[in-house]
């Protein structure tokens, strides 16, 4: 592994670790202080990614999410081998974060929220959860492409803020219904450590579908070179 690839992998691991560590920890903390609102959890998740994109985005691109990496892969913005390295780093970072949360926090706090594993809310079925995760991830990946990929975007310099805010608004909406993971590694870490796999496919298939649609849409519709204007008739 080259030094550049190693740097990128470590950056991706740290970013994915941060999201799962803060996300699962914030969910447990909300339960401890009897805070039933989503605001604190949504802000914590959004800030976690926002600051990591600002801190490490220039090193690895700041994916921190296998679905985002998949969007880059299908639009040929990352080579398959490097995408594989990113996925290993992302899933590994998330698993390590979940393990630390389980062992650092009181067992009662983590068990109350199943270690922050995303779950379907009351009345939600798996197909609805799958589509909701796809839509929420579509928003996220569209903002990633518009704010961090497209150099013409007016908010390129503050991509971390735009991406973090997107995660927060997604959590505010989707949190009670699917957990609003939008990220297979965010689901995988707590699922693996806590051994909670109910309807697990929702948080893999949904984000991958949403990322695919958003990445292809932005790539082919918005990033194309403008068509030359037709010559004026003489």
Protein backbone atom coordinates (compact mmCIF):
# COMPACT_ATOMS: atom_id res chain seq x y z
CA UNK A 1 0.00 0.00 0.00
CA UNK A 2 1.40 3.38 -0.99
CA UNK A 3 1.86 6.18 1.53
CA UNK A 4 -0.87 8.23 -0.15
CA UNK A 5 -3.33 5.34 -0.02
CA UNK A 6 -2.50 4.79 3.65
CA UNK A 7 -3.14 8.45 4.45
CA UNK A 8 -6.46 8.30 2.65
CA UNK A 9 -7.47 5.09 4.40
CA UNK A 10 -6.65 6.45 7.86
CA UNK A 11 -8.59 9.63 7.13
CA UNK A 12 -11.61 7.61 6.03
CA UNK A 13 -11.37 5.40 9.10
CA UNK A 14 -11.24 8.41 11.42
CA UNK A 15 -14.22 10.05 9.72
CA UNK A 16 -16.36 6.90 9.83
CA UNK A 17 -15.26 6.26 13.42
CA UNK A 18 -16.29 9.79 14.43
CA UNK A 19 -19.76 9.52 12.93
CA UNK A 20 -20.56 6.19 14.62
CA UNK A 21 -18.92 7.12 17.92
CA UNK A 22 -20.75 10.45 18.17
CA UNK A 23 -23.98 9.18 16.63
CA UNK A 24 -24.33 6.16 18.90
CA UNK A 25 -23.06 8.10 21.90
CA UNK A 26 -25.47 10.98 21.33
CA UNK A 27 -28.39 8.54 21.15
CA UNK A 28 -27.35 6.99 24.47
CA UNK A 29 -26.80 10.41 26.05
CA UNK A 30 -30.25 11.60 24.98
CA UNK A 31 -31.75 8.65 26.81
CA UNK A 32 -29.72 9.31 29.96
CA UNK A 33 -30.90 12.93 30.23
CA UNK A 34 -34.47 11.95 29.28
CA UNK A 35 -34.36 14.14 26.19
CA UNK A 36 -36.91 12.73 23.78
CA UNK A 37 -36.36 15.36 21.08
CA UNK A 38 -34.33 14.75 17.95
CA UNK A 39 -32.60 18.11 17.90
CA UNK A 40 -29.54 17.20 19.92
CA UNK A 41 -28.96 13.92 18.09
CA UNK A 42 -29.45 15.59 14.71
CA UNK A 43 -27.00 18.36 15.55
CA UNK A 44 -24.44 15.88 16.90
CA UNK A 45 -24.52 13.77 13.73
CA UNK A 46 -24.37 16.78 11.44
CA UNK A 47 -21.51 18.42 13.31
CA UNK A 48 -19.55 15.16 13.47
CA UNK A 49 -19.47 14.87 9.71
CA UNK A 50 -19.18 18.60 9.08
CA UNK A 51 -16.03 19.01 11.15
CA UNK A 52 -14.46 15.82 9.78
CA UNK A 53 -15.07 16.94 6.18
CA UNK A 54 -13.39 20.23 7.01
CA UNK A 55 -10.49 18.53 8.78
CA UNK A 56 -9.85 15.55 6.49
CA UNK A 57 -11.74 16.18 3.26
CA UNK A 58 -8.63 17.51 1.53
CA UNK A 59 -6.85 14.23 2.26
CA UNK A 60 -9.34 11.56 1.23
CA UNK A 61 -12.26 13.50 -0.21
CA UNK A 62 -14.19 13.10 3.03
CA UNK A 63 -16.49 10.25 2.04
CA UNK A 64 -16.77 8.53 5.45
CA UNK A 65 -19.68 6.58 3.95
CA UNK A 66 -19.60 3.49 1.71
CA UNK A 67 -22.62 4.77 -0.21
CA UNK A 68 -20.82 7.99 -1.11
CA UNK A 69 -17.77 6.00 -2.17
CA UNK A 70 -20.05 3.87 -4.34
CA UNK A 71 -21.40 7.04 -5.97
CA UNK A 72 -17.84 8.10 -6.75
CA UNK A 73 -17.04 4.63 -8.09
CA UNK A 74 -19.92 4.45 -10.56
CA UNK A 75 -19.10 7.94 -11.86
CA UNK A 76 -15.41 6.96 -12.23
CA UNK A 77 -14.14 9.43 -9.65
CA UNK A 78 -12.32 6.74 -7.70
CA UNK A 79 -10.56 3.56 -8.84
CA UNK A 80 -12.07 0.23 -7.77
CA UNK A 81 -9.00 -0.77 -5.74
CA UNK A 82 -9.01 2.48 -3.79
CA UNK A 83 -12.77 2.23 -3.28
CA UNK A 84 -12.18 -1.20 -1.72
CA UNK A 85 -9.60 0.30 0.64
CA UNK A 86 -12.07 3.04 1.58
CA UNK A 87 -14.80 0.50 2.33
CA UNK A 88 -12.52 -1.55 4.58
CA UNK A 89 -11.48 1.60 6.43
CA UNK A 90 -15.05 2.87 6.78
CA UNK A 91 -16.55 -0.39 8.04
CA UNK A 92 -13.56 -0.99 10.30
CA UNK A 93 -13.72 2.50 11.81
CA UNK A 94 -17.43 2.16 12.49
CA UNK A 95 -17.00 -1.23 14.16
CA UNK A 96 -14.21 0.10 16.38
CA UNK A 97 -16.35 3.08 17.36
CA UNK A 98 -19.30 0.89 18.31
CA UNK A 99 -17.02 -1.35 20.35
CA UNK A 100 -15.66 1.62 22.30
CA UNK A 101 -19.11 3.07 22.90
CA UNK A 102 -20.29 -0.26 24.27
CA UNK A 103 -17.32 -0.53 26.62
CA UNK A 104 -16.97 3.11 27.69
CA UNK A 105 -20.58 4.01 28.46
CA UNK A 106 -22.83 2.48 31.12
CA UNK A 107 -24.36 -0.72 29.83
CA UNK A 108 -27.88 0.46 30.69
CA UNK A 109 -27.47 3.56 28.51
CA UNK A 110 -26.27 1.67 25.44
CA UNK A 111 -28.75 -1.17 25.83
CA UNK A 112 -31.63 1.29 25.99
CA UNK A 113 -30.88 2.37 22.42
CA UNK A 114 -29.46 -0.97 21.21
CA UNK A 115 -26.05 0.66 20.84
CA UNK A 116 -27.47 3.18 18.38
CA UNK A 117 -28.42 0.56 15.79
CA UNK A 118 -30.80 2.15 13.26
CA UNK A 119 -34.21 0.55 13.48
CA UNK A 120 -37.62 0.81 11.89
CA UNK A 121 -40.04 2.97 13.86
CA UNK A 122 -43.49 1.90 14.97
CA UNK A 123 -45.70 1.25 11.96
CA UNK A 124 -42.82 1.28 9.45
CA UNK A 125 -42.30 -1.77 7.27
CA UNK A 126 -39.02 -2.75 5.67
CA UNK A 127 -39.97 -1.64 2.14
CA UNK A 128 -40.99 1.82 3.33
CA UNK A 129 -37.81 2.08 5.39
CA UNK A 130 -35.74 1.06 2.38
CA UNK A 131 -37.26 3.80 0.22
CA UNK A 132 -36.98 6.43 2.95
CA UNK A 133 -33.29 5.64 3.46
CA UNK A 134 -32.83 5.86 -0.32
CA UNK A 135 -34.44 9.31 -0.48
CA UNK A 136 -32.50 10.64 2.51
CA UNK A 137 -29.24 9.34 1.05
CA UNK A 138 -30.17 10.88 -2.31
CA UNK A 139 -30.28 14.29 -0.62
CA UNK A 140 -26.92 13.68 1.04
CA UNK A 141 -25.07 12.49 -2.05
CA UNK A 142 -26.57 15.22 -4.21
CA UNK A 143 -25.23 17.81 -1.77
CA UNK A 144 -21.83 16.09 -1.69
CA UNK A 145 -21.59 16.31 -5.47
CA UNK A 146 -22.88 19.87 -5.58
CA UNK A 147 -20.79 21.21 -2.69
CA UNK A 148 -17.61 19.13 -2.79
CA UNK A 149 -17.28 17.69 -6.32
CA UNK A 150 -18.56 20.40 -8.63
CA UNK A 151 -15.92 23.14 -8.62
CA UNK A 152 -18.48 25.57 -10.03
CA UNK A 153 -20.62 25.24 -6.92
CA UNK A 154 -20.82 28.49 -4.94
CA UNK A 155 -20.53 26.65 -1.63
CA UNK A 156 -17.44 24.60 -2.45
CA UNK A 157 -15.39 26.35 0.24
CA UNK A 158 -17.90 25.41 2.94
CA UNK A 159 -18.72 21.87 1.81
CA UNK A 160 -18.47 20.55 5.36
CA UNK A 161 -21.21 22.89 6.53
CA UNK A 162 -23.54 21.97 3.67
CA UNK A 163 -22.98 18.24 4.10
CA UNK A 164 -23.33 18.39 7.87
CA UNK A 165 -26.57 20.36 7.66
CA UNK A 166 -27.96 17.84 5.20
CA UNK A 167 -27.32 15.05 7.67
CA UNK A 168 -29.00 17.05 10.43
CA UNK A 169 -32.16 17.73 8.45
CA UNK A 170 -32.30 14.11 7.35
CA UNK A 171 -32.07 12.95 10.97
CA UNK A 172 -34.75 15.43 12.04
CA UNK A 173 -37.11 13.87 9.52
CA UNK A 174 -36.06 10.26 9.27
CA UNK A 175 -34.71 9.58 12.75
CA UNK A 176 -37.95 8.30 14.28
CA UNK A 177 -38.77 6.15 11.25
CA UNK A 178 -35.49 4.50 10.17
CA UNK A 179 -32.78 6.04 12.34
CA UNK A 180 -31.71 8.04 9.25
CA UNK A 181 -28.39 6.23 8.92
CA UNK A 182 -27.84 7.07 5.22
CA UNK A 183 -24.61 5.16 5.65
CA UNK A 184 -23.99 1.39 5.59
CA UNK A 185 -20.97 1.64 7.88
CA UNK A 186 -22.96 3.66 10.46
CA UNK A 187 -25.41 0.75 10.56
CA UNK A 188 -22.79 -2.00 10.38
CA UNK A 189 -20.68 -1.02 13.39
CA UNK A 190 -23.47 -1.20 16.01
CA UNK A 191 -25.10 -4.15 14.24
CA UNK A 192 -21.89 -6.16 14.44
CA UNK A 193 -20.92 -5.25 17.99
CA UNK A 194 -24.44 -5.44 19.39
CA UNK A 195 -25.55 -8.37 17.21
CA UNK A 196 -28.72 -6.56 16.15
CA UNK A 197 -29.50 -7.45 12.54
CA UNK A 198 -33.28 -7.07 12.24
CA UNK A 199 -34.17 -5.76 8.75
CA UNK A 200 -30.48 -5.05 8.33
CA UNK A 201 -30.63 -4.96 4.53
CA UNK A 202 -32.61 -1.71 4.67
CA UNK A 203 -29.53 0.31 5.69
CA UNK A 204 -27.39 -1.14 2.92
CA UNK A 205 -29.71 -1.36 -0.06
CA UNK A 206 -31.49 1.95 0.64
CA UNK A 207 -28.37 4.15 0.83
CA UNK A 208 -26.80 2.42 -2.19
CA UNK A 209 -29.90 3.08 -4.28
CA UNK A 210 -30.13 6.71 -3.20
CA UNK A 211 -26.41 7.26 -3.80
CA UNK A 212 -26.61 5.69 -7.24
CA UNK A 213 -29.49 7.86 -8.40
CA UNK A 214 -28.00 11.07 -6.99
CA UNK A 215 -24.48 10.44 -8.33
CA UNK A 216 -25.63 9.51 -11.83
CA UNK A 217 -28.11 12.38 -11.96
CA UNK A 218 -25.55 14.98 -10.97
CA UNK A 219 -22.83 13.46 -13.12
CA UNK A 220 -24.81 13.25 -16.34
CA UNK A 221 -27.21 16.17 -15.96
CA UNK A 222 -25.36 18.86 -14.04
CA UNK A 223 -21.65 18.18 -14.65
CA UNK A 224 -21.85 17.88 -18.43
CA UNK A 225 -20.12 20.53 -20.47
CA UNK A 226 -22.65 23.06 -21.77
CA UNK A 227 -23.76 22.50 -25.34
CA UNK A 228 -22.30 25.03 -27.78
CA UNK A 229 -24.80 27.60 -28.89
CA UNK A 230 -26.08 27.19 -32.42
CA UNK A 231 -24.58 29.63 -34.89
CA UNK A 232 -26.83 32.53 -35.68
CA UNK A 233 -28.60 32.28 -39.03
CA UNK A 234 -27.17 34.57 -41.65
